[in-house]
Amino acid sequence: MKTNYILILTCLLLCFACSKDQVEEEVIKPKEEEVIQEEEKQTFSVNRPDQYALEVVYFMPTDFAVEQSLLNPTLNDISDMILFMQSWYETLMDYNGFGKKTFGLVTDQHGVVKVGVIYGKESSEYYAIEANKPQVRKEVRDFLMKRPAPFSGFKLSDHMLILGPQKSKIGYFGGGTWAVAQSDDFSMHEMPGFFFNGLQLEESAKQYSGMLHELGHGLGLHHNARKASKKPLTSLMGDWGIFTYHSEPDRMIITQADCAVLDKCQIFNRTDNGIVYYKNRPNNTLKSMSISKDVTASKIVMSGSFTSDQVTPYVNVGFDFKNVDQTFPNDSYDEIFYLVSTVDEGNNKYSFSLEVEYADLFNGFQTNHKSNAEIEINAITESGFGGFGRNNKIFDGHFYTTDLATKIPNDDILYAYEAHEFTDRSNWTITANTEDVGQGFVANQAIDGDLNTYWQCQWPYKIAEKGAHEININMGEVKSIKGMYFYSKRANHQWRPKHIVVKTSTDGTSFTTSADVTINSLAEAEEVKLNFDNSTTTQHIKILVDEIYTTKTASNDQNLLFSEIDILL
């Protein structure tokens, strides 16, 4: 019995112990708080601090539209490509002596470029029509005008790169502040063994150099070729540049003249420099120009001066060879530019000089077109004028020929010009037999010192009905003069003198003919320095014009205008 009691007691104790253990195991512990990871918020900035940024967009016609979620690989490839382009431009700017300058880009906190996605309103067949090409830019501008965050909070720029699928038919072209290009594959890969100034060169699978070329136009670069002295390098914007990049990428460069344009391009500069880009066109006046030949040194020698109301650190002197087989803008791939730093002489006046070896113009590209050329000079301002789409020519229209056998320019290259310095005409009075009072083109505007204003006759004018155009001047005092100066130019159709008779008088009653001349051409009639055979003492001047030149050849009108009239002392 005692044994049974002990067994029962032992079992009870064991049961109690098991029950306690079960209670301890079943105690419900407090749940840990669930951690919810928030999606990382994208933040954006310009990857060149305080600098303007290039707008980059991907444009899809309706028949190429893809959901944005499926575009991420393409957008990432575009980001890699444009980042390499940014580094390439920086390397070439440094190579040409302008330091490590390049355009800015909008990137997120991981360095990925923000690419705007735009769904076109029309199909690719619509955009393929030449007349509809501008619609692409219009739709992009409309998108950018309504730009949502994250673009707010920092300044972008006037420049945009528009990319699209290869068969989207949006094309390849550029125009000063915009560029359009297309490709099916934007992915980049290194080109083993090819470097330029330490930069490992890369390319995308398709159309890379073509996209780089069009971006150049969108940054303001003209077509232009390398000089002979730069062989074997080639130019991105001319000669064989875009065709050599795939096989020999270390040969393709941006010319020094191009880099001068980029140096003053909006998106290569800071937003806080106080400069307003591309808004107010410069007012320039050529003061002197000389072109001669140094036969001994086999060089073309040039010098000139001009005034400008904007700071102008550079001029690009261009030799544009006349390729009759091509039309604008494809006729200028062989143009060669020389960069010249100007000398600031004070009072808004700048001068420059340049020597060009004859042989340097014979770079091996389109040599059969080197016999005829035009010299032009683009002034590059701090405000960004002087590039493609923002031309700022201070001199052009001087054509010359070259003997291809000797590579020596003919004497028609010779040129000399000195701008007229206006006399004090504050005491003058001037009248005309007719004037366009309604539009304000009155006679006094021909002696106001402003080349942008002018006197214009009352039109339409018929010489057979009304007689010769007649202008009478009273200088207010008797002077000895050697001749007359006439300037005639406006923005629209030109009406210039062809046959001029100048009569002089001391009393305003009895007149003597001091000059009777016929101007050779419309171009020569723009600015006429009419020298008398002998100096003449006079106070009163009568000017008669009974024949005119005009660019409005379909008209029978014989209108006339003078921007300025003065005397030669």
Protein backbone atom coordinates (compact mmCIF):
# COMPACT_ATOMS: atom_id res chain seq x y z
CA MET A 1 0.00 0.00 0.00
CA LYS A 2 2.83 2.26 0.89
CA THR A 3 4.34 1.42 -2.44
CA ASN A 4 1.12 2.33 -4.25
CA TYR A 5 0.99 5.67 -2.42
CA ILE A 6 4.50 6.50 -3.50
CA LEU A 7 3.71 5.67 -7.14
CA ILE A 8 0.60 7.84 -7.12
CA LEU A 9 2.53 10.75 -5.58
CA THR A 10 5.29 10.41 -8.13
CA CYS A 11 2.83 10.49 -11.01
CA LEU A 12 1.14 13.60 -9.66
CA LEU A 13 4.45 15.41 -9.39
CA LEU A 14 5.39 14.42 -12.94
CA CYS A 15 2.03 15.62 -14.24
CA PHE A 16 2.42 18.92 -12.47
CA ALA A 17 5.88 19.39 -13.93
CA CYS A 18 4.67 18.66 -17.49
CA SER A 19 1.76 21.05 -17.10
CA LYS A 20 4.08 23.87 -15.97
CA ASP A 21 6.39 23.28 -18.91
CA GLN A 22 3.42 23.46 -21.31
CA VAL A 23 2.26 26.74 -19.85
CA GLU A 24 5.71 28.23 -20.22
CA GLU A 25 5.93 27.11 -23.86
CA GLU A 26 2.51 28.52 -24.72
CA VAL A 27 3.20 31.99 -23.41
CA ILE A 28 2.46 34.36 -26.38
CA LYS A 29 5.30 36.78 -26.85
CA PRO A 30 4.51 40.33 -28.05
CA LYS A 31 4.82 40.68 -31.85
CA GLU A 32 7.67 42.82 -33.14
CA GLU A 33 6.53 45.92 -35.09
CA GLU A 34 6.47 45.24 -38.83
CA VAL A 35 9.09 47.39 -40.67
CA ILE A 36 7.68 48.96 -43.86
CA GLN A 37 10.38 50.13 -46.27
CA GLU A 38 9.40 53.33 -48.06
CA GLU A 39 10.19 53.66 -51.76
CA GLU A 40 13.25 55.86 -52.27
CA LYS A 41 12.27 59.31 -53.43
CA GLN A 42 14.11 60.51 -56.50
CA THR A 43 15.93 63.81 -56.25
CA PHE A 44 17.37 65.66 -59.21
CA SER A 45 20.08 68.22 -59.82
CA VAL A 46 22.31 69.46 -62.62
CA ASN A 47 25.49 67.38 -62.56
CA ARG A 48 27.59 70.48 -63.26
CA PRO A 49 26.79 72.72 -60.27
CA ASP A 50 25.11 76.07 -61.04
CA GLN A 51 25.22 75.34 -64.76
CA TYR A 52 22.62 75.23 -67.51
CA ALA A 53 21.51 71.73 -68.57
CA LEU A 54 20.68 70.07 -71.87
CA GLU A 55 17.07 68.88 -72.15
CA VAL A 56 17.03 65.22 -73.24
CA VAL A 57 13.76 63.62 -74.41
CA TYR A 58 12.65 60.36 -76.02
CA PHE A 59 9.91 60.93 -78.59
CA MET A 60 7.59 58.18 -79.83
CA PRO A 61 5.06 58.49 -82.67
CA THR A 62 1.75 56.76 -82.04
CA ASP A 63 2.77 53.61 -83.92
CA PHE A 64 5.91 53.26 -81.75
CA ALA A 65 4.33 54.00 -78.39
CA VAL A 66 5.49 51.72 -75.57
CA GLU A 67 4.40 51.80 -71.94
CA GLN A 68 6.85 53.83 -69.92
CA SER A 69 7.48 50.94 -67.53
CA LEU A 70 8.89 48.96 -70.47
CA LEU A 71 11.19 51.77 -71.53
CA ASN A 72 13.56 51.66 -68.58
CA PRO A 73 16.33 49.71 -70.39
CA THR A 74 16.23 52.19 -73.31
CA LEU A 75 16.21 55.21 -71.00
CA ASN A 76 19.15 53.82 -69.03
CA ASP A 77 21.08 53.27 -72.28
CA ILE A 78 20.35 56.86 -73.35
CA SER A 79 21.61 58.02 -69.96
CA ASP A 80 24.89 56.16 -70.38
CA MET A 81 25.29 57.47 -73.91
CA ILE A 82 24.67 61.14 -73.14
CA LEU A 83 26.94 60.96 -70.08
CA PHE A 84 29.76 59.71 -72.32
CA MET A 85 29.02 62.47 -74.83
CA GLN A 86 29.31 64.95 -71.97
CA SER A 87 32.75 63.57 -71.05
CA TRP A 88 33.84 63.51 -74.71
CA TYR A 89 32.98 67.18 -75.24
CA GLU A 90 34.81 68.04 -72.00
CA THR A 91 37.92 66.19 -73.22
CA LEU A 92 37.88 67.92 -76.62
CA MET A 93 37.37 71.35 -75.07
CA ASP A 94 40.40 70.73 -72.88
CA TYR A 95 42.42 69.45 -75.87
CA ASN A 96 41.70 72.71 -77.73
CA GLY A 97 42.77 74.92 -74.83
CA PHE A 98 39.41 75.88 -73.29
CA GLY A 99 39.68 73.86 -70.09
CA LYS A 100 37.38 71.08 -68.91
CA LYS A 101 34.11 72.72 -69.97
CA THR A 102 31.06 70.79 -71.09
CA PHE A 103 27.26 70.95 -70.98
CA GLY A 104 25.23 70.17 -67.89
CA LEU A 105 22.73 67.31 -67.51
CA VAL A 106 19.86 66.68 -65.09
CA THR A 107 20.63 63.52 -63.10
CA ASP A 108 19.13 61.77 -60.10
CA GLN A 109 20.95 60.93 -56.87
CA HIS A 110 22.42 57.85 -58.56
CA GLY A 111 23.81 59.79 -61.51
CA VAL A 112 21.19 58.61 -64.01
CA VAL A 113 20.17 61.23 -66.58
CA LYS A 114 16.56 62.34 -66.49
CA VAL A 115 15.11 61.61 -69.93
CA GLY A 116 11.66 63.03 -70.64
CA VAL A 117 9.30 60.61 -72.37
CA ILE A 118 6.98 62.18 -74.93
CA TYR A 119 4.18 60.36 -76.73
CA GLY A 120 3.70 61.95 -80.14
CA LYS A 121 0.26 62.92 -81.36
CA GLU A 122 0.75 61.51 -84.86
CA SER A 123 2.14 58.43 -86.58
CA SER A 124 5.65 58.06 -87.99
CA GLU A 125 4.28 58.51 -91.54
CA TYR A 126 3.05 61.98 -90.55
CA TYR A 127 6.41 63.02 -89.10
CA ALA A 128 8.20 61.62 -92.17
CA ILE A 129 6.73 64.42 -94.30
CA GLU A 130 9.27 67.24 -94.50
CA ALA A 131 6.68 69.96 -93.90
CA ASN A 132 5.66 68.23 -90.66
CA LYS A 133 9.17 67.92 -89.18
CA PRO A 134 8.76 71.11 -87.09
CA GLN A 135 5.76 69.50 -85.37
CA VAL A 136 8.14 67.25 -83.42
CA ARG A 137 9.85 70.27 -81.91
CA LYS A 138 6.52 71.96 -81.23
CA GLU A 139 5.21 68.97 -79.30
CA VAL A 140 8.45 68.75 -77.33
CA ARG A 141 8.32 72.46 -76.49
CA ASP A 142 4.71 72.12 -75.37
CA PHE A 143 5.77 69.24 -73.11
CA LEU A 144 8.66 71.22 -71.64
CA MET A 145 6.47 74.28 -71.05
CA LYS A 146 4.26 72.12 -68.86
CA ARG A 147 7.28 70.47 -67.27
CA PRO A 148 6.27 68.82 -64.00
CA ALA A 149 8.42 68.28 -60.93
CA PRO A 150 11.21 67.11 -60.60
CA PHE A 151 12.32 69.70 -63.14
CA SER A 152 11.23 72.60 -60.95
CA GLY A 153 13.78 74.25 -58.66
CA PHE A 154 16.67 74.71 -61.06
CA LYS A 155 17.24 76.31 -64.44
CA LEU A 156 17.63 74.20 -67.56
CA SER A 157 18.34 75.85 -70.93
CA ASP A 158 17.21 76.67 -74.46
CA HIS A 159 18.93 73.52 -75.80
CA MET A 160 17.27 70.15 -76.35
CA LEU A 161 18.22 66.75 -77.76
CA ILE A 162 15.27 64.80 -79.18
CA LEU A 163 15.83 61.07 -79.66
CA GLY A 164 13.48 58.46 -81.08
CA PRO A 165 13.29 54.89 -82.37
CA GLN A 166 15.22 54.21 -85.59
CA LYS A 167 12.12 53.77 -87.76
CA SER A 168 10.16 56.60 -86.17
CA LYS A 169 11.09 58.82 -89.15
CA ILE A 170 11.67 61.89 -87.01
CA GLY A 171 15.00 62.20 -88.85
CA TYR A 172 18.51 63.54 -88.28
CA PHE A 173 18.98 67.29 -88.15
CA GLY A 174 19.82 70.15 -85.84
CA GLY A 175 19.36 73.88 -85.73
CA GLY A 176 21.35 75.90 -83.20
CA THR A 177 19.47 75.05 -80.01
CA TRP A 178 17.86 71.70 -80.88
CA ALA A 179 18.90 68.39 -82.39
CA VAL A 180 16.94 65.35 -83.57
CA ALA A 181 18.29 61.82 -84.07
CA GLN A 182 17.04 58.25 -84.02
CA SER A 183 18.40 54.78 -83.22
CA ASP A 184 17.25 51.30 -82.23
CA ASP A 185 20.16 50.73 -79.87
CA PHE A 186 21.65 53.36 -77.58
CA SER A 187 23.69 50.91 -75.50
CA MET A 188 27.36 51.88 -75.17
CA HIS A 189 30.46 49.72 -75.17
CA GLU A 190 34.15 50.47 -74.77
CA MET A 191 36.40 50.44 -77.82
CA PRO A 192 39.49 48.59 -76.58
CA GLY A 193 42.78 50.30 -77.27
CA PHE A 194 41.24 53.64 -78.29
CA PHE A 195 41.77 56.69 -76.10
CA PHE A 196 41.76 60.44 -76.64
CA ASN A 197 43.66 62.56 -74.14
CA GLY A 198 43.20 59.83 -71.53
CA LEU A 199 39.48 59.26 -72.19
CA GLN A 200 38.54 55.64 -72.91
CA LEU A 201 36.48 55.94 -76.08
CA GLU A 202 33.09 54.31 -76.43
CA GLU A 203 30.32 54.02 -78.98
CA SER A 204 26.77 52.71 -79.19
CA ALA A 205 25.73 49.90 -81.45
CA LYS A 206 24.10 52.08 -84.09
CA GLN A 207 24.23 55.67 -85.44
CA TYR A 208 26.40 56.97 -82.58
CA SER A 209 28.59 59.38 -84.54
CA GLY A 210 25.53 60.64 -86.42
CA MET A 211 23.82 61.46 -83.12
CA LEU A 212 26.99 63.16 -81.90
CA HIS A 213 27.09 65.23 -85.11
CA GLU A 214 23.47 66.36 -84.79
CA LEU A 215 24.02 67.27 -81.15
CA GLY A 216 26.86 69.47 -82.41
CA HIS A 217 24.36 71.39 -84.55
CA GLY A 218 22.09 71.62 -81.53
CA LEU A 219 24.93 73.29 -79.63
CA GLY A 220 25.53 75.81 -82.41
CA LEU A 221 28.27 74.17 -84.49
CA HIS A 222 28.48 74.83 -88.24
CA HIS A 223 29.59 72.28 -90.77
CA ASN A 224 33.35 72.69 -91.06
CA ALA A 225 36.37 70.59 -91.98
CA ARG A 226 39.81 70.16 -90.45
CA LYS A 227 42.81 72.11 -91.79
CA ALA A 228 45.50 70.29 -93.74
CA SER A 229 47.84 70.93 -90.80
CA LYS A 230 45.55 68.78 -88.62
CA LYS A 231 45.96 65.57 -90.65
CA PRO A 232 45.28 62.74 -89.93
CA LEU A 233 42.57 64.05 -87.56
CA THR A 234 39.07 64.58 -88.92
CA SER A 235 36.27 66.94 -87.93
CA LEU A 236 33.03 65.84 -86.25
CA MET A 237 31.18 68.54 -88.21
CA GLY A 238 32.74 68.02 -91.65
CA ASP A 239 35.06 66.11 -93.99
CA TRP A 240 35.20 62.40 -92.97
CA GLY A 241 34.63 62.78 -89.22
CA ILE A 242 31.48 60.78 -88.57
CA PHE A 243 32.61 58.07 -91.01
CA THR A 244 35.92 57.45 -89.27
CA TYR A 245 34.70 57.23 -85.67
CA HIS A 246 33.58 53.61 -85.83
CA SER A 247 36.97 52.30 -86.95
CA GLU A 248 39.35 55.05 -85.73
CA PRO A 249 37.56 57.05 -83.03
CA ASP A 250 40.77 58.67 -81.78
CA ARG A 251 41.04 60.57 -85.08
CA MET A 252 37.76 62.50 -84.78
CA ILE A 253 37.88 65.91 -83.08
CA ILE A 254 35.93 69.10 -82.58
CA THR A 255 37.87 71.90 -84.29
CA GLN A 256 39.26 74.79 -82.28
CA ALA A 257 36.84 77.15 -84.02
CA ASP A 258 33.95 74.93 -82.88
CA CYS A 259 35.25 75.00 -79.32
CA ALA A 260 35.19 78.82 -79.35
CA VAL A 261 31.47 78.63 -80.17
CA LEU A 262 30.93 76.11 -77.36
CA ASP A 263 32.91 78.29 -74.95
CA LYS A 264 30.15 80.91 -75.28
CA CYS A 265 27.28 78.42 -75.60
CA GLN A 266 24.61 78.76 -72.90
CA ILE A 267 24.78 75.20 -71.60
CA PHE A 268 28.58 75.28 -71.27
CA ASN A 269 28.27 78.12 -68.77
CA ARG A 270 26.92 78.99 -65.35
CA THR A 271 23.46 80.33 -64.62
CA ASP A 272 24.80 82.98 -62.25
CA ASN A 273 27.24 84.76 -64.60
CA GLY A 274 24.81 87.61 -65.33
CA ILE A 275 24.76 86.91 -69.09
CA VAL A 276 21.47 86.74 -71.00
CA TYR A 277 22.00 84.27 -73.85
CA TYR A 278 20.57 84.49 -77.38
CA LYS A 279 18.12 87.32 -76.66
CA ASN A 280 19.44 90.59 -78.09
CA ARG A 281 21.21 90.41 -81.43
CA PRO A 282 24.52 92.27 -81.52
CA ASN A 283 24.79 95.52 -83.44
CA ASN A 284 28.08 95.30 -85.37
CA THR A 285 29.78 97.63 -87.82
CA LEU A 286 32.80 96.66 -89.90
CA LYS A 287 35.38 99.44 -89.70
CA SER A 288 38.23 98.08 -91.80
CA MET A 289 39.19 94.98 -93.72
CA SER A 290 42.37 94.06 -95.60
CA ILE A 291 43.12 90.85 -97.51
CA SER A 292 46.43 90.46 -99.30
CA LYS A 293 48.95 87.82 -100.39
CA ASP A 294 52.45 87.29 -99.05
CA VAL A 295 53.94 85.62 -102.12
CA THR A 296 57.29 84.93 -100.46
CA ALA A 297 55.73 83.14 -97.47
CA SER A 298 52.88 81.60 -99.53
CA LYS A 299 50.28 83.02 -97.14
CA ILE A 300 46.99 84.88 -97.19
CA VAL A 301 47.30 87.87 -94.84
CA MET A 302 44.18 89.36 -93.26
CA SER A 303 43.39 92.07 -90.74
CA GLY A 304 40.32 94.02 -89.78
CA SER A 305 38.40 95.90 -87.14
CA PHE A 306 34.78 96.34 -86.15
CA THR A 307 32.58 97.78 -83.44
CA SER A 308 29.98 95.84 -81.46
CA ASP A 309 27.62 96.67 -78.65
CA GLN A 310 28.36 93.26 -77.11
CA VAL A 311 31.57 91.79 -75.71
CA THR A 312 33.20 89.86 -78.58
CA PRO A 313 36.26 87.80 -77.59
CA TYR A 314 36.63 85.77 -80.82
CA VAL A 315 36.05 85.77 -84.55
CA ASN A 316 35.90 82.68 -86.75
CA VAL A 317 37.28 83.36 -90.23
CA GLY A 318 35.79 80.92 -92.73
CA PHE A 319 36.88 79.82 -96.19
CA ASP A 320 33.74 78.37 -97.75
CA PHE A 321 34.53 76.47 -100.94
CA LYS A 322 31.72 76.50 -103.48
CA ASN A 323 30.50 72.95 -103.96
CA VAL A 324 28.04 73.22 -106.85
CA ASP A 325 27.06 69.57 -106.44
CA GLN A 326 25.41 70.22 -103.07
CA THR A 327 22.78 72.54 -101.63
CA PHE A 328 22.59 74.23 -98.22
CA PRO A 329 23.48 73.05 -95.63
CA ASN A 330 25.33 70.10 -97.14
CA ASP A 331 27.48 72.35 -99.35
CA SER A 332 29.62 73.45 -96.40
CA TYR A 333 31.19 70.21 -95.14
CA ASP A 334 34.47 71.43 -96.67
CA GLU A 335 34.46 74.94 -95.13
CA ILE A 336 37.55 75.63 -93.02
CA PHE A 337 37.40 77.99 -90.03
CA TYR A 338 40.27 79.74 -88.29
CA LEU A 339 39.76 80.94 -84.74
CA VAL A 340 41.20 84.37 -83.95
CA SER A 341 41.13 86.06 -80.54
CA THR A 342 40.17 89.70 -80.88
CA VAL A 343 42.02 92.69 -79.41
CA ASP A 344 39.73 94.92 -77.33
CA GLU A 345 40.73 98.45 -78.28
CA GLY A 346 38.15 100.15 -76.06
CA ASN A 347 35.00 102.08 -76.95
CA ASN A 348 33.37 98.86 -78.23
CA LYS A 349 36.00 98.46 -80.96
CA TYR A 350 37.78 95.17 -81.71
CA SER A 351 40.57 94.25 -84.11
CA PHE A 352 41.98 90.96 -85.40
CA SER A 353 44.67 89.62 -87.73
CA LEU A 354 45.37 86.26 -89.34
CA GLU A 355 47.82 84.54 -91.67
CA VAL A 356 46.81 81.39 -93.56
CA GLU A 357 49.20 79.23 -95.53
CA TYR A 358 47.89 78.47 -99.00
CA ALA A 359 48.56 74.75 -98.53
CA ASP A 360 46.59 74.61 -95.25
CA LEU A 361 43.35 75.01 -97.20
CA PHE A 362 44.10 71.90 -99.26
CA ASN A 363 43.16 69.24 -96.71
CA GLY A 364 42.48 66.46 -99.22
CA PHE A 365 38.69 66.76 -98.93
CA GLN A 366 36.72 67.68 -102.08
CA THR A 367 39.86 69.16 -103.68
CA ASN A 368 38.10 69.62 -107.02
CA HIS A 369 35.92 72.31 -105.42
CA LYS A 370 38.77 74.44 -104.08
CA SER A 371 38.95 76.75 -107.10
CA ASN A 372 36.14 79.05 -105.90
CA ALA A 373 35.68 80.24 -102.35
CA GLU A 374 33.96 82.85 -100.21
CA ILE A 375 35.54 84.46 -97.16
CA GLU A 376 33.22 85.10 -94.23
CA ILE A 377 33.77 86.21 -90.64
CA ASN A 378 31.51 85.32 -87.71
CA ALA A 379 31.94 87.32 -84.51
CA ILE A 380 31.44 85.23 -81.34
CA THR A 381 29.92 87.16 -78.45
CA GLU A 382 29.76 86.47 -74.73
CA SER A 383 25.98 86.17 -75.14
CA GLY A 384 26.33 83.17 -77.46
CA PHE A 385 25.94 84.65 -80.94
CA GLY A 386 28.22 83.55 -83.77
CA GLY A 387 27.29 79.87 -83.99
CA PHE A 388 25.01 77.86 -86.26
CA GLY A 389 21.47 79.19 -86.00
CA ARG A 390 22.84 82.29 -84.27
CA ASN A 391 25.03 83.68 -87.06
CA ASN A 392 26.71 87.00 -86.37
CA LYS A 393 28.55 87.79 -89.58
CA ILE A 394 30.55 90.98 -89.75
CA PHE A 395 31.95 90.21 -93.21
CA ASP A 396 30.91 87.98 -96.11
CA GLY A 397 30.32 88.02 -99.83
CA HIS A 398 33.99 88.32 -100.84
CA PHE A 399 34.57 85.62 -103.49
CA TYR A 400 37.92 84.69 -104.97
CA THR A 401 39.44 82.00 -107.17
CA THR A 402 42.53 79.79 -106.84
CA ASP A 403 44.82 78.17 -109.37
CA LEU A 404 44.48 74.50 -108.40
CA ALA A 405 47.76 73.57 -110.10
CA THR A 406 49.82 75.93 -107.92
CA LYS A 407 47.37 76.29 -104.98
CA ILE A 408 47.98 80.05 -105.19
CA PRO A 409 44.96 82.40 -104.88
CA ASN A 410 44.43 84.70 -107.84
CA ASP A 411 44.52 88.45 -107.42
CA ASP A 412 40.74 88.63 -107.01
CA ILE A 413 41.37 87.72 -103.37
CA LEU A 414 42.82 91.19 -102.76
CA TYR A 415 40.51 93.44 -100.77
CA ALA A 416 40.75 96.74 -98.92
CA TYR A 417 38.03 98.58 -97.03
CA GLU A 418 37.94 101.51 -94.64
CA ALA A 419 34.61 102.47 -93.12
CA HIS A 420 33.44 106.00 -93.62
CA GLU A 421 33.82 108.24 -90.57
CA PHE A 422 30.84 110.54 -90.53
CA THR A 423 31.34 114.27 -90.43
CA ASP A 424 29.46 116.61 -88.09
CA ARG A 425 26.13 117.15 -89.82
CA SER A 426 24.29 118.74 -86.90
CA ASN A 427 23.87 122.05 -88.78
CA TRP A 428 22.65 120.44 -91.98
CA THR A 429 19.14 120.69 -93.35
CA ILE A 430 17.88 118.19 -95.91
CA THR A 431 14.77 117.94 -98.09
CA ALA A 432 13.58 115.50 -100.75
CA ASN A 433 11.04 115.83 -103.54
CA THR A 434 9.13 112.95 -101.91
CA GLU A 435 9.36 111.04 -98.65
CA ASP A 436 7.40 108.27 -96.95
CA VAL A 437 5.98 110.33 -94.11
CA GLY A 438 3.34 107.74 -93.25
CA GLN A 439 5.95 105.18 -92.19
CA GLY A 440 8.36 107.75 -90.80
CA PHE A 441 11.04 107.32 -93.49
CA VAL A 442 11.69 111.04 -93.79
CA ALA A 443 14.70 112.81 -95.34
CA ASN A 444 16.32 113.73 -92.02
CA GLN A 445 16.93 110.01 -91.34
CA ALA A 446 19.56 110.05 -94.08
CA ILE A 447 21.79 112.31 -91.96
CA ASP A 448 21.09 111.00 -88.42
CA GLY A 449 24.22 108.78 -88.14
CA ASP A 450 22.19 105.58 -87.71
CA LEU A 451 22.74 102.99 -90.45
CA ASN A 452 19.55 101.19 -89.40
CA THR A 453 17.27 104.13 -90.27
CA TYR A 454 16.72 105.54 -93.73
CA TRP A 455 14.94 108.00 -96.00
CA GLN A 456 12.62 106.39 -98.51
CA CYS A 457 10.73 108.06 -101.32
CA GLN A 458 6.96 108.06 -101.42
CA TRP A 459 6.15 104.84 -103.24
CA PRO A 460 5.31 103.56 -105.75
CA TYR A 461 7.59 105.91 -107.67
CA LYS A 462 7.82 106.15 -111.46
CA ILE A 463 10.73 108.27 -112.74
CA ALA A 464 9.05 108.77 -116.12
CA GLU A 465 6.07 110.36 -114.35
CA LYS A 466 7.71 112.23 -111.47
CA GLY A 467 11.21 112.88 -112.75
CA ALA A 468 14.48 112.01 -111.04
CA HIS A 469 14.61 111.50 -107.28
CA GLU A 470 15.92 114.79 -105.89
CA ILE A 471 17.54 115.50 -102.53
CA ASN A 472 18.75 118.97 -101.50
CA ILE A 473 21.22 119.63 -98.67
CA ASN A 474 22.22 122.90 -97.04
CA MET A 475 25.34 122.38 -94.89
CA GLY A 476 24.87 125.76 -93.15
CA GLU A 477 28.37 126.90 -94.11
CA VAL A 478 30.73 126.87 -97.07
CA LYS A 479 33.14 123.90 -97.13
CA SER A 480 35.73 122.44 -99.46
CA ILE A 481 34.74 118.83 -100.20
CA LYS A 482 36.34 116.05 -102.26
CA GLY A 483 33.23 113.96 -102.92
CA MET A 484 30.08 112.33 -101.55
CA TYR A 485 29.28 109.24 -99.50
CA PHE A 486 26.07 107.20 -99.90
CA TYR A 487 24.92 104.15 -97.94
CA SER A 488 21.76 102.28 -98.89
CA LYS A 489 20.62 99.14 -97.08
CA ARG A 490 17.61 97.79 -95.25
CA ALA A 491 16.36 94.40 -94.11
CA ASN A 492 13.86 93.79 -96.91
CA HIS A 493 14.00 94.53 -100.66
CA GLN A 494 16.75 96.94 -101.68
CA TRP A 495 16.24 100.12 -103.73
CA ARG A 496 19.65 101.57 -104.56
CA PRO A 497 21.02 104.27 -106.87
CA LYS A 498 22.36 103.30 -110.29
CA HIS A 499 22.93 106.70 -111.94
CA ILE A 500 23.83 109.63 -109.64
CA VAL A 501 24.35 113.28 -110.55
CA VAL A 502 25.74 115.61 -107.86
CA LYS A 503 25.48 119.38 -108.29
CA THR A 504 27.04 121.95 -105.95
CA SER A 505 26.49 125.64 -105.24
CA THR A 506 27.67 128.31 -102.83
CA ASP A 507 24.45 130.35 -103.03
CA GLY A 508 21.77 127.71 -103.58
CA THR A 509 20.77 129.22 -106.90
CA SER A 510 23.54 128.62 -109.40
CA PHE A 511 24.62 124.96 -109.49
CA THR A 512 27.57 123.23 -111.16
CA THR A 513 27.75 119.50 -111.93
CA SER A 514 30.53 118.03 -109.76
CA ALA A 515 29.87 114.32 -110.49
CA ASP A 516 27.92 112.22 -112.96
CA VAL A 517 28.46 108.48 -112.38
CA THR A 518 26.86 105.11 -113.04
CA ILE A 519 27.31 102.46 -110.33
CA ASN A 520 28.31 99.07 -111.73
CA SER A 521 26.06 96.77 -109.71
CA LEU A 522 23.48 96.43 -106.97
CA ALA A 523 26.18 95.19 -104.58
CA GLU A 524 28.46 98.17 -105.27
CA ALA A 525 25.51 100.52 -104.80
CA GLU A 526 25.16 99.50 -101.14
CA GLU A 527 28.04 101.79 -100.19
CA VAL A 528 29.33 104.40 -102.62
CA LYS A 529 32.31 106.69 -102.11
CA LEU A 530 32.01 109.12 -105.00
CA ASN A 531 35.19 111.14 -105.49
CA PHE A 532 35.05 114.38 -107.50
CA ASP A 533 37.68 115.06 -110.15
CA ASN A 534 38.61 118.18 -108.17
CA SER A 535 37.86 119.52 -104.72
CA THR A 536 34.80 121.77 -104.71
CA THR A 537 33.87 124.69 -102.49
CA THR A 538 30.17 124.51 -101.72
CA GLN A 539 27.39 124.97 -99.19
CA HIS A 540 24.44 123.57 -101.13
CA ILE A 541 24.33 120.06 -102.63
CA LYS A 542 21.72 118.74 -105.06
CA ILE A 543 21.57 114.94 -105.61
CA LEU A 544 19.67 113.53 -108.60
CA VAL A 545 19.03 109.80 -109.18
CA ASP A 546 17.26 108.83 -112.42
CA GLU A 547 18.11 105.10 -112.52
CA ILE A 548 17.91 102.56 -109.71
CA TYR A 549 18.82 98.98 -108.78
CA THR A 550 16.37 96.78 -106.91
CA THR A 551 16.14 93.22 -105.61
CA LYS A 552 12.42 93.31 -106.32
CA THR A 553 12.87 92.41 -109.96
CA ALA A 554 9.18 91.62 -110.55
CA SER A 555 8.26 95.23 -109.80
CA ASN A 556 8.23 98.14 -112.25
CA ASP A 557 8.55 100.64 -109.40
CA GLN A 558 11.66 102.84 -109.27
CA ASN A 559 11.72 103.56 -105.56
CA LEU A 560 14.86 104.74 -103.75
CA LEU A 561 16.21 104.82 -100.23
CA PHE A 562 19.33 106.21 -98.54
CA SER A 563 20.40 105.14 -95.07
CA GLU A 564 23.11 107.81 -94.85
CA ILE A 565 24.43 110.66 -97.00
CA ASP A 566 27.66 112.50 -96.15
CA ILE A 567 30.55 114.43 -97.68
CA LEU A 568 34.16 113.35 -98.26
CA LEU A 569 36.71 115.87 -96.97
